[in-house]
Amino acid sequence: MNHPVPVQPYDSPVPRAVPRAVHEQGAPR
């Protein structure tokens, strides 16, 4: 059973969805 890099809970939706949503809202950082 080969998994294409298991998704990590601390590096999954946090550093990707958070900064992206923040930039869309125009919030600082």
PDB file of N, CA and C in Angstrom:
ATOM      1  N   MET A   1       0.836  -1.205   0.000  1.00  0.00           N
ATOM      2  CA  MET A   1       0.000   0.000   0.000  1.00  0.00           C
ATOM      3  C   MET A   1       0.871   1.256   0.000  1.00  0.00           C
ATOM      4  N   ASN A   2       1.080   1.827  -1.160  1.00  0.00           N
ATOM      5  CA  ASN A   2       1.908   3.036  -1.247  1.00  0.00           C
ATOM      6  C   ASN A   2       1.052   4.293  -1.196  1.00  0.00           C
ATOM      7  N   HIS A   3       1.346   5.136  -0.224  1.00  0.00           N
ATOM      8  CA  HIS A   3       0.598   6.392  -0.108  1.00  0.00           C
ATOM      9  C   HIS A   3       1.455   7.559  -0.581  1.00  0.00           C
ATOM     10  N   PRO A   4       0.915   8.411  -1.402  1.00  0.00           N
ATOM     11  CA  PRO A   4       1.642   9.571  -1.937  1.00  0.00           C
ATOM     12  C   PRO A   4       1.882  10.622  -0.870  1.00  0.00           C
ATOM     13  N   VAL A   5       2.834  10.365   0.006  1.00  0.00           N
ATOM     14  CA  VAL A   5       3.156  11.297   1.087  1.00  0.00           C
ATOM     15  C   VAL A   5       1.936  11.552   1.961  1.00  0.00           C
ATOM     16  N   PRO A   6       1.885  10.914   3.123  1.00  0.00           N
ATOM     17  CA  PRO A   6       0.759  11.078   4.043  1.00  0.00           C
ATOM     18  C   PRO A   6       0.584  12.531   4.462  1.00  0.00           C
ATOM     19  N   VAL A   7      -0.635  12.993   4.433  1.00  0.00           N
ATOM     20  CA  VAL A   7      -0.900  14.388   4.795  1.00  0.00           C
ATOM     21  C   VAL A   7      -0.732  14.599   6.289  1.00  0.00           C
ATOM     22  N   GLN A   8       0.079  15.579   6.642  1.00  0.00           N
ATOM     23  CA  GLN A   8       0.308  15.843   8.066  1.00  0.00           C
ATOM     24  C   GLN A   8      -0.655  16.914   8.578  1.00  0.00           C
ATOM     25  N   PRO A   9      -1.149  16.738   9.809  1.00  0.00           N
ATOM     26  CA  PRO A   9      -2.149  17.633  10.394  1.00  0.00           C
ATOM     27  C   PRO A   9      -1.596  19.026  10.660  1.00  0.00           C
ATOM     28  N   TYR A  10      -0.264  19.132  10.771  1.00  0.00           N
ATOM     29  CA  TYR A  10       0.316  20.439  11.089  1.00  0.00           C
ATOM     30  C   TYR A  10       0.892  21.091   9.830  1.00  0.00           C
ATOM     31  N   ASP A  11       0.887  20.362   8.738  1.00  0.00           N
ATOM     32  CA  ASP A  11       1.430  20.930   7.500  1.00  0.00           C
ATOM     33  C   ASP A  11       0.482  20.653   6.334  1.00  0.00           C
ATOM     34  N   SER A  12      -0.813  20.610   6.664  1.00  0.00           N
ATOM     35  CA  SER A  12      -1.773  20.293   5.619  1.00  0.00           C
ATOM     36  C   SER A  12      -2.601  21.519   5.246  1.00  0.00           C
ATOM     37  N   PRO A  13      -3.618  21.836   6.041  1.00  0.00           N
ATOM     38  CA  PRO A  13      -4.477  22.967   5.701  1.00  0.00           C
ATOM     39  C   PRO A  13      -4.034  24.237   6.404  1.00  0.00           C
ATOM     40  N   VAL A  14      -3.037  24.134   7.263  1.00  0.00           N
ATOM     41  CA  VAL A  14      -2.648  25.312   8.050  1.00  0.00           C
ATOM     42  C   VAL A  14      -1.765  26.268   7.256  1.00  0.00           C
ATOM     43  N   PRO A  15      -0.565  25.847   6.858  1.00  0.00           N
ATOM     44  CA  PRO A  15       0.353  26.758   6.172  1.00  0.00           C
ATOM     45  C   PRO A  15      -0.039  26.965   4.708  1.00  0.00           C
ATOM     46  N   ARG A  16      -1.161  26.431   4.292  1.00  0.00           N
ATOM     47  CA  ARG A  16      -1.558  26.572   2.880  1.00  0.00           C
ATOM     48  C   ARG A  16      -2.909  27.270   2.760  1.00  0.00           C
ATOM     49  N   ALA A  17      -3.865  26.850   3.561  1.00  0.00           N
ATOM     50  CA  ALA A  17      -5.208  27.437   3.479  1.00  0.00           C
ATOM     51  C   ALA A  17      -5.272  28.731   4.277  1.00  0.00           C
ATOM     52  N   VAL A  18      -4.561  28.768   5.396  1.00  0.00           N
ATOM     53  CA  VAL A  18      -4.607  29.953   6.265  1.00  0.00           C
ATOM     54  C   VAL A  18      -4.011  31.182   5.583  1.00  0.00           C
ATOM     55  N   PRO A  19      -2.748  31.123   5.167  1.00  0.00           N
ATOM     56  CA  PRO A  19      -2.121  32.293   4.550  1.00  0.00           C
ATOM     57  C   PRO A  19      -2.839  32.684   3.263  1.00  0.00           C
ATOM     58  N   ARG A  20      -3.392  31.716   2.564  1.00  0.00           N
ATOM     59  CA  ARG A  20      -4.078  32.004   1.303  1.00  0.00           C
ATOM     60  C   ARG A  20      -5.386  32.741   1.582  1.00  0.00           C
ATOM     61  N   ALA A  21      -6.142  32.282   2.567  1.00  0.00           N
ATOM     62  CA  ALA A  21      -7.415  32.924   2.922  1.00  0.00           C
ATOM     63  C   ALA A  21      -7.145  34.310   3.485  1.00  0.00           C
ATOM     64  N   VAL A  22      -6.067  34.426   4.248  1.00  0.00           N
ATOM     65  CA  VAL A  22      -5.717  35.718   4.858  1.00  0.00           C
ATOM     66  C   VAL A  22      -5.405  36.738   3.775  1.00  0.00           C
ATOM     67  N   HIS A  23      -4.668  36.318   2.762  1.00  0.00           N
ATOM     68  CA  HIS A  23      -4.307  37.236   1.680  1.00  0.00           C
ATOM     69  C   HIS A  23      -5.551  37.649   0.899  1.00  0.00           C
ATOM     70  N   GLU A  24      -6.493  36.742   0.793  1.00  0.00           N
ATOM     71  CA  GLU A  24      -7.719  37.054   0.044  1.00  0.00           C
ATOM     72  C   GLU A  24      -8.541  38.100   0.786  1.00  0.00           C
ATOM     73  N   GLN A  25      -8.527  38.023   2.120  1.00  0.00           N
ATOM     74  CA  GLN A  25      -9.301  38.967   2.924  1.00  0.00           C
ATOM     75  C   GLN A  25      -8.540  40.280   3.087  1.00  0.00           C
ATOM     76  N   GLY A  26      -7.254  40.241   2.800  1.00  0.00           N
ATOM     77  CA  GLY A  26      -6.457  41.462   2.922  1.00  0.00           C
ATOM     78  C   GLY A  26      -6.067  41.722   4.362  1.00  0.00           C
ATOM     79  N   ALA A  27      -6.005  40.657   5.164  1.00  0.00           N
ATOM     80  CA  ALA A  27      -5.647  40.826   6.575  1.00  0.00           C
ATOM     81  C   ALA A  27      -4.129  40.847   6.731  1.00  0.00           C
ATOM     82  N   PRO A  28      -3.626  41.461   7.789  1.00  0.00           N
ATOM     83  CA  PRO A  28      -2.181  41.528   8.033  1.00  0.00           C
ATOM     84  C   PRO A  28      -1.603  40.160   8.320  1.00  0.00           C
ATOM     85  N   ARG A  29      -0.555  39.791   7.571  1.00  0.00           N
ATOM     86  CA  ARG A  29       0.067  38.492   7.805  1.00  0.00           C
ATOM     87  C   ARG A  29      -0.930  37.447   7.305  1.00  0.00           C
TER      88      ARG A  29
END
